Amino acid sequence: MRWILSIGVTFCVAFNVYADACPSGELKGNWIFVDMSDESQVKAYSFLPLDCKEKDTAAFCAKWQEQTKKDPPLQNFKDILKFDKKQPESEVRWVATKGEVVNVAIIYVDGRVPVSQIVETSRNTRFADDLKKLVELIEKAKLAGGEHFLKAECLAPYSLTDKRAKLVVRVGPISVTPGSSGTSKTASGESDTKKSDGSAAKGSSKDSSLVDAITLVTGPREHLYISADVPVTSTQVLKFDSTANTLVFKDAPTNILVGINYALGDVWPQGRNWTWQNLGFKALFKLDSNPLKTVGAAVSYRAWGMNVFGGYLWMKEDQQTGTGTSGTPIIDPESHYRGAWRLGLGFNLDTAIGWVKSTGSGSSSSTKK
């Protein structure tokens, strides 16, 4: 009976080809497990790193060791990818940089050898991307399977080549005719091979026949980002979005502030609601041709899919000193600021771009107390 193992990007196949790349004992290091038992719904789980001593992974690690000790190993991986708390993931933040290694294991239906591809694309910092979106925001605001016998296949360990990137694991099925060698193939259809240094070849372009199983956002920790912040003076303007499982505005707000944020932890959500790393500080400015109409400072906390802030705002009040000959008001050039404490919600800039598209304008003239 043919069996296939692999870890990373290149395949480790049966018949003892690269068999040394496939762990037969305790799993260690960084792992992604892709479940293709139902090809209509690819699922992926990441453990960066994998700790077999944790309650949620101990049973899985024990099953893996049990299967890999059989002869031939990895006979049937049915129901192995079951965890108490772990849910399938599509995009994961991995604080890692050039030279760090990730392993990929694919669980698939016997007789349907999977095609896989890993594409690593360099990315900017979150802050740099937010600056581009802020320009766009200003412009938009007009201011400027079934019961089957399952096998497991692993890819050779993949070593990161960029300091900061998005790493996409892509998979798809390919039928193997009886009597074939069972050699796994890349998305291009060519046999995938190891480099002399044991690393895996880096994918250069996406194959349209494959689906994205999971994306890893790699790179050093980042702390700076830009947000769109809206003071909330009444809970009646909010509603609960059951799809996103968070609070949103009933209507697109117009009183938008731009927040320059510093997060104590990484800017990418970690999935933990109670941790000091969710705390941050922000400086606030009006989304307006004159951003100093409203300025402020606040403390923020990111949890439950929300970015809640509380702080003090200084709002510039234009004072009319008279009326001109044509009836136009004369404004005191030395306008004064008044201050007020405010609570509010912060959103990413993509959300704010959607707001100004729907309203066709930017902020209102002032923040009311």
Protein backbone atom coordinates (compact mmCIF):
# COMPACT_ATOMS: atom_id res chain seq x y z
CA MET A 1 0.00 0.00 0.00
CA ARG A 2 1.47 3.37 -1.02
CA TRP A 3 1.99 6.01 1.64
CA ILE A 4 3.17 9.58 1.34
CA LEU A 5 4.88 11.91 3.79
CA SER A 6 6.12 15.43 3.32
CA ILE A 7 6.94 18.59 5.27
CA GLY A 8 7.21 22.26 3.94
CA VAL A 9 7.24 23.13 0.23
CA THR A 10 8.94 20.23 -1.45
CA PHE A 11 7.41 16.83 -0.95
CA CYS A 12 8.78 13.93 1.02
CA VAL A 13 7.34 10.88 -0.71
CA ALA A 14 6.95 7.20 0.06
CA PHE A 15 9.51 4.62 -0.98
CA ASN A 16 11.96 6.28 1.43
CA VAL A 17 12.44 9.40 -0.70
CA TYR A 18 13.30 12.20 1.77
CA ALA A 19 11.77 10.05 4.51
CA ASP A 20 14.21 11.59 6.99
CA ALA A 21 12.27 14.89 6.70
CA CYS A 22 9.14 13.35 8.22
CA PRO A 23 8.98 13.18 12.03
CA SER A 24 8.08 9.80 13.47
CA GLY A 25 8.15 10.81 17.11
CA GLU A 26 7.33 13.95 19.05
CA LEU A 27 6.42 16.94 16.91
CA LYS A 28 8.54 20.02 17.50
CA GLY A 29 8.91 23.47 15.94
CA ASN A 30 6.42 25.53 13.92
CA TRP A 31 3.65 23.58 12.18
CA ILE A 32 0.70 24.13 9.87
CA PHE A 33 -1.76 21.25 9.36
CA VAL A 34 -3.99 21.43 6.27
CA ASP A 35 -7.11 19.23 6.29
CA MET A 36 -8.13 18.20 2.76
CA SER A 37 -10.32 15.27 3.80
CA ASP A 38 -13.22 17.31 2.39
CA GLU A 39 -11.83 18.93 -0.76
CA SER A 40 -14.80 21.32 -0.95
CA GLN A 41 -13.81 22.87 2.37
CA VAL A 42 -10.07 23.10 3.01
CA LYS A 43 -9.22 23.82 6.66
CA ALA A 44 -5.92 24.86 8.16
CA TYR A 45 -4.60 24.96 11.74
CA SER A 46 -1.38 26.70 12.80
CA PHE A 47 0.80 26.06 15.84
CA LEU A 48 3.64 28.57 15.98
CA PRO A 49 5.24 26.86 17.81
CA LEU A 50 3.58 23.49 18.52
CA ASP A 51 3.61 22.55 22.21
CA CYS A 52 2.51 18.94 22.71
CA LYS A 53 2.28 19.51 26.48
CA GLU A 54 -0.70 21.84 26.14
CA LYS A 55 -4.11 20.34 26.87
CA ASP A 56 -5.56 21.24 23.47
CA THR A 57 -2.75 19.58 21.49
CA ALA A 58 -1.71 16.65 23.71
CA ALA A 59 -4.29 14.23 22.25
CA PHE A 60 -3.39 15.23 18.68
CA CYS A 61 0.35 14.72 19.30
CA ALA A 62 -0.34 11.31 20.84
CA LYS A 63 -2.38 10.26 17.77
CA TRP A 64 0.36 11.50 15.44
CA GLN A 65 3.00 9.46 17.26
CA GLU A 66 0.73 6.41 17.23
CA GLN A 67 0.22 6.66 13.47
CA THR A 68 3.87 7.35 12.63
CA LYS A 69 5.08 4.32 14.61
CA LYS A 70 3.07 1.96 12.40
CA ASP A 71 4.63 0.11 9.48
CA PRO A 72 4.07 1.63 7.02
CA PRO A 73 3.46 4.84 8.98
CA LEU A 74 0.59 7.30 8.59
CA GLN A 75 -1.96 4.62 7.69
CA ASN A 76 -5.10 6.53 8.55
CA PHE A 77 -5.45 10.07 9.83
CA LYS A 78 -9.24 10.11 10.04
CA ASP A 79 -10.45 12.45 12.82
CA ILE A 80 -6.89 13.26 13.93
CA LEU A 81 -7.31 17.01 13.48
CA LYS A 82 -9.72 17.55 16.37
CA PHE A 83 -8.96 20.10 19.06
CA ASP A 84 -10.89 21.30 22.11
CA LYS A 85 -10.54 25.01 21.36
CA LYS A 86 -8.61 25.41 18.12
CA GLN A 87 -10.66 26.60 15.15
CA PRO A 88 -9.71 26.60 11.44
CA GLU A 89 -7.78 29.72 10.46
CA SER A 90 -7.38 31.72 7.25
CA GLU A 91 -4.87 34.39 8.30
CA VAL A 92 -2.46 34.18 11.23
CA ARG A 93 0.16 36.55 12.58
CA TRP A 94 3.56 34.87 13.05
CA VAL A 95 6.26 36.99 14.66
CA ALA A 96 9.13 35.54 12.64
CA THR A 97 11.63 36.79 10.12
CA LYS A 98 14.14 35.68 7.50
CA GLY A 99 15.68 32.27 8.15
CA GLU A 100 12.98 30.91 10.49
CA VAL A 101 11.39 27.61 9.49
CA VAL A 102 7.79 26.40 9.23
CA ASN A 103 6.60 22.83 8.52
CA VAL A 104 3.42 21.97 6.63
CA ALA A 105 1.52 18.67 6.85
CA ILE A 106 -1.43 17.89 4.57
CA ILE A 107 -4.12 15.35 5.48
CA TYR A 108 -5.77 14.06 2.30
CA VAL A 109 -7.91 11.27 0.86
CA ASP A 110 -5.96 8.19 -0.22
CA GLY A 111 -5.54 8.14 -3.99
CA ARG A 112 -5.83 11.93 -4.32
CA VAL A 113 -2.24 13.13 -4.00
CA PRO A 114 -2.39 16.87 -3.22
CA VAL A 115 -0.72 19.60 -5.22
CA SER A 116 0.73 22.35 -3.05
CA GLN A 117 2.47 25.68 -3.39
CA ILE A 118 3.93 28.15 -0.93
CA VAL A 119 4.13 31.76 -2.08
CA GLU A 120 6.10 34.22 0.05
CA THR A 121 5.49 37.85 -0.88
CA SER A 122 7.34 40.77 0.70
CA ARG A 123 5.12 43.26 2.53
CA ASN A 124 5.39 46.70 4.09
CA THR A 125 4.90 47.45 7.75
CA ARG A 126 1.32 47.89 8.92
CA PHE A 127 2.05 51.58 9.49
CA ALA A 128 3.30 52.06 5.91
CA ASP A 129 0.19 50.33 4.51
CA ASP A 130 -2.01 52.47 6.75
CA LEU A 131 -0.38 55.64 5.41
CA LYS A 132 -1.33 54.62 1.85
CA LYS A 133 -4.89 53.87 2.96
CA LEU A 134 -5.03 57.20 4.77
CA VAL A 135 -4.22 58.98 1.50
CA GLU A 136 -7.03 57.02 -0.17
CA LEU A 137 -9.36 57.84 2.71
CA ILE A 138 -8.58 61.54 2.40
CA GLU A 139 -9.18 61.39 -1.37
CA LYS A 140 -12.45 59.48 -0.91
CA ALA A 141 -13.51 62.06 1.67
CA LYS A 142 -12.82 64.71 -1.00
CA LEU A 143 -10.19 66.32 1.20
CA ALA A 144 -7.17 65.38 -0.91
CA GLY A 145 -15.68 15.12 2.46
CA GLY A 146 -17.33 11.84 3.43
CA GLU A 147 -16.02 8.51 4.77
CA HIS A 148 -12.64 7.93 3.17
CA PHE A 149 -9.33 6.40 4.07
CA LEU A 150 -7.06 9.35 4.82
CA LYS A 151 -3.31 9.80 4.42
CA ALA A 152 -0.92 12.51 5.55
CA GLU A 153 1.61 14.30 3.41
CA CYS A 154 4.22 16.72 4.68
CA LEU A 155 6.35 19.25 2.89
CA ALA A 156 10.04 19.90 3.45
CA PRO A 157 10.64 22.59 6.11
CA TYR A 158 10.26 26.03 4.53
CA SER A 159 12.77 28.69 5.54
CA LEU A 160 11.59 32.32 5.31
CA THR A 161 13.49 34.43 2.77
CA ASP A 162 12.06 37.89 3.54
CA LYS A 163 12.31 39.96 6.69
CA ARG A 164 8.62 40.83 6.47
CA ALA A 165 6.18 38.97 4.21
CA LYS A 166 2.87 37.23 3.68
CA LEU A 167 3.34 33.47 3.36
CA VAL A 168 0.43 31.68 1.65
CA VAL A 169 0.03 27.89 1.70
CA ARG A 170 -2.03 26.82 -1.34
CA VAL A 171 -3.37 23.34 -2.00
CA GLY A 172 -5.41 21.38 -4.54
CA PRO A 173 -6.06 17.71 -5.45
CA ILE A 174 -4.56 15.74 -8.34
CA SER A 175 -5.52 12.17 -9.23
CA VAL A 176 -2.79 9.52 -9.42
CA THR A 177 -3.21 6.70 -11.92
CA PRO A 178 -2.51 3.11 -10.83
CA GLY A 179 1.12 2.10 -11.26
CA SER A 180 2.47 5.66 -11.01
CA SER A 181 5.45 6.39 -8.84
CA GLY A 182 3.38 8.50 -6.49
CA THR A 183 5.80 11.41 -6.72
CA SER A 184 4.16 14.58 -5.47
CA LYS A 185 4.09 17.51 -7.84
CA THR A 186 4.14 21.25 -7.55
CA ALA A 187 1.41 23.50 -8.87
CA SER A 188 3.30 23.79 -12.15
CA GLY A 189 3.12 20.02 -12.62
CA GLU A 190 6.87 19.49 -12.32
CA SER A 191 8.31 17.15 -9.73
CA ASP A 192 9.28 19.14 -6.68
CA THR A 193 12.81 18.58 -5.43
CA LYS A 194 14.93 19.58 -2.49
CA LYS A 195 17.75 22.05 -2.79
CA SER A 196 21.21 20.91 -1.80
CA ASP A 197 20.91 22.78 1.50
CA GLY A 198 17.66 20.98 2.33
CA SER A 199 15.47 24.07 2.01
CA ALA A 200 12.39 24.26 -0.17
CA ALA A 201 12.02 26.12 -3.43
CA LYS A 202 10.12 29.39 -3.12
CA GLY A 203 6.93 29.70 -5.17
CA SER A 204 7.07 32.61 -7.56
CA SER A 205 3.48 32.93 -8.78
CA LYS A 206 0.04 31.70 -7.86
CA ASP A 207 -1.67 28.81 -9.62
CA SER A 208 -5.36 29.58 -10.23
CA SER A 209 -6.30 25.92 -9.76
CA LEU A 210 -5.22 26.00 -6.10
CA VAL A 211 -7.00 27.48 -3.09
CA ASP A 212 -5.45 29.43 -0.24
CA ALA A 213 -5.42 27.23 2.86
CA ILE A 214 -3.82 29.72 5.24
CA THR A 215 -1.83 32.96 5.21
CA LEU A 216 0.96 33.72 7.69
CA VAL A 217 1.78 37.40 8.24
CA THR A 218 5.48 37.21 9.10
CA GLY A 219 7.96 39.79 10.32
CA PRO A 220 9.28 41.38 13.52
CA ARG A 221 6.88 42.86 16.04
CA GLU A 222 5.19 46.08 14.91
CA HIS A 223 3.74 48.73 17.20
CA LEU A 224 2.65 51.68 15.01
CA TYR A 225 -0.59 51.82 13.03
CA ILE A 226 -3.24 54.32 11.92
CA SER A 227 -6.94 54.00 12.73
CA ALA A 228 -10.22 55.74 12.02
CA ASP A 229 -11.76 56.73 15.36
CA VAL A 230 -15.26 57.92 16.13
CA PRO A 231 -16.37 59.41 19.47
CA VAL A 232 -19.58 57.80 20.73
CA THR A 233 -21.96 60.05 22.68
CA SER A 234 -24.95 57.70 22.57
CA THR A 235 -25.29 53.92 22.41
CA GLN A 236 -28.32 54.39 20.12
CA VAL A 237 -26.02 54.98 17.14
CA LEU A 238 -24.55 51.48 17.56
CA LYS A 239 -25.75 47.99 16.71
CA PHE A 240 -24.36 44.51 17.19
CA ASP A 241 -23.07 42.82 14.03
CA SER A 242 -23.66 39.09 14.61
CA THR A 243 -21.51 38.17 11.60
CA ALA A 244 -18.42 40.06 12.80
CA ASN A 245 -19.42 39.49 16.44
CA THR A 246 -18.73 43.13 17.34
CA LEU A 247 -20.34 46.57 17.68
CA VAL A 248 -20.68 48.72 14.55
CA PHE A 249 -22.41 51.98 13.67
CA LYS A 250 -25.98 51.81 12.36
CA ASP A 251 -25.17 54.52 9.81
CA ALA A 252 -21.86 55.67 8.38
CA PRO A 253 -20.43 58.25 10.80
CA THR A 254 -19.24 61.63 9.54
CA ASN A 255 -17.36 62.84 12.63
CA ILE A 256 -14.21 60.83 11.94
CA LEU A 257 -10.87 61.29 13.68
CA VAL A 258 -7.54 59.91 12.51
CA GLY A 259 -5.65 58.05 15.23
CA ILE A 260 -1.85 57.63 15.25
CA ASN A 261 -1.47 54.56 17.47
CA TYR A 262 1.26 52.89 19.48
CA ALA A 263 0.38 49.37 20.65
CA LEU A 264 2.22 47.87 23.63
CA GLY A 265 1.97 44.47 21.93
CA ASP A 266 2.03 43.55 18.26
CA VAL A 267 -0.36 45.50 16.02
CA TRP A 268 -1.83 42.28 14.59
CA PRO A 269 -4.60 40.75 16.77
CA GLN A 270 -3.44 37.78 18.84
CA GLY A 271 -6.89 36.37 19.64
CA ARG A 272 -6.57 36.97 23.40
CA ASN A 273 -9.05 39.39 24.96
CA TRP A 274 -7.38 39.84 28.34
CA THR A 275 -3.71 40.78 28.05
CA TRP A 276 -1.65 43.93 28.66
CA GLN A 277 -0.44 43.66 25.06
CA ASN A 278 -3.87 44.86 23.88
CA LEU A 279 -3.28 48.26 25.53
CA GLY A 280 -2.17 51.21 23.45
CA PHE A 281 -1.97 54.99 23.19
CA LYS A 282 -3.16 57.26 20.42
CA ALA A 283 -2.95 60.85 19.23
CA LEU A 284 -6.15 62.01 17.52
CA PHE A 285 -6.70 64.53 14.71
CA LYS A 286 -9.74 65.60 12.73
CA LEU A 287 -10.26 64.04 9.29
CA ASP A 288 -10.55 67.46 7.71
CA SER A 289 -8.66 69.92 5.52
CA ASN A 290 -7.69 71.48 8.85
CA PRO A 291 -6.80 68.48 11.04
CA LEU A 292 -6.16 70.72 14.07
CA LYS A 293 -9.87 71.56 14.39
CA THR A 294 -9.99 68.63 16.82
CA VAL A 295 -7.00 67.11 18.54
CA GLY A 296 -6.80 64.65 21.39
CA ALA A 297 -4.97 61.97 23.31
CA ALA A 298 -6.42 58.65 24.41
CA VAL A 299 -5.75 55.21 25.82
CA SER A 300 -7.05 52.28 23.76
CA TYR A 301 -7.76 48.60 24.29
CA ARG A 302 -8.25 46.02 21.52
CA ALA A 303 -10.51 43.05 22.32
CA TRP A 304 -13.60 41.20 21.06
CA GLY A 305 -12.98 42.50 17.56
CA MET A 306 -13.18 46.12 18.76
CA ASN A 307 -10.74 48.95 19.44
CA VAL A 308 -12.21 50.93 22.34
CA PHE A 309 -10.64 54.23 23.37
CA GLY A 310 -11.12 56.80 26.08
CA GLY A 311 -9.41 60.17 26.22
CA TYR A 312 -9.56 63.92 26.11
CA LEU A 313 -10.43 65.96 23.01
CA TRP A 314 -9.73 69.63 22.34
CA MET A 315 -12.24 71.06 19.83
CA LYS A 316 -11.69 74.38 18.11
CA GLU A 317 -14.68 76.71 18.28
CA ASP A 318 -14.98 79.44 15.68
CA GLN A 319 -16.25 82.63 17.28
CA GLN A 320 -18.12 85.17 15.15
CA THR A 321 -17.11 88.77 15.89
CA GLY A 322 -19.35 90.45 13.36
CA THR A 323 -20.81 90.46 9.85
CA GLY A 324 -19.18 91.69 6.69
CA THR A 325 -20.75 94.04 4.14
CA SER A 326 -21.93 91.12 2.03
CA GLY A 327 -23.46 89.40 5.04
CA THR A 328 -20.63 86.89 5.50
CA PRO A 329 -19.67 86.22 9.13
CA ILE A 330 -16.38 87.60 10.45
CA ILE A 331 -14.55 84.89 12.40
CA ASP A 332 -12.11 85.65 15.17
CA PRO A 333 -8.73 84.35 13.91
CA GLU A 334 -7.77 83.53 17.50
CA SER A 335 -10.44 80.89 18.00
CA HIS A 336 -10.44 79.04 21.28
CA TYR A 337 -10.44 75.34 22.10
CA ARG A 338 -12.81 73.68 24.51
CA GLY A 339 -12.13 70.28 25.95
CA ALA A 340 -14.20 67.23 26.82
CA TRP A 341 -13.66 63.60 27.83
CA ARG A 342 -14.83 61.16 25.20
CA LEU A 343 -15.24 57.42 24.70
CA GLY A 344 -15.28 55.91 21.24
CA LEU A 345 -14.51 53.09 18.85
CA GLY A 346 -11.58 52.71 16.48
CA PHE A 347 -11.70 50.97 13.10
CA ASN A 348 -9.23 50.09 10.37
CA LEU A 349 -8.93 52.49 7.45
CA ASP A 350 -10.63 50.11 5.01
CA THR A 351 -13.81 50.50 7.06
CA ALA A 352 -13.50 54.29 7.01
CA ILE A 353 -13.02 54.30 3.23
CA GLY A 354 -16.32 52.42 3.01
CA TRP A 355 -17.98 55.08 5.18
CA VAL A 356 -16.93 58.01 3.02
CA LYS A 357 -17.90 56.12 -0.14
CA SER A 358 -21.43 55.71 1.22
CA THR A 359 -21.77 59.29 2.50
CA GLY A 360 -19.76 61.01 -0.25
CA SER A 361 -18.10 63.34 2.23
CA GLY A 362 -15.72 63.50 5.13
CA SER A 363 -16.17 64.78 8.66
CA SER A 364 -18.77 67.15 9.98
CA SER A 365 -17.74 70.62 11.00
CA SER A 366 -17.36 70.02 14.73
CA THR A 367 -17.68 67.55 17.55
CA LYS A 368 -20.58 68.38 19.77
CA LYS A 369 -20.34 68.05 23.51
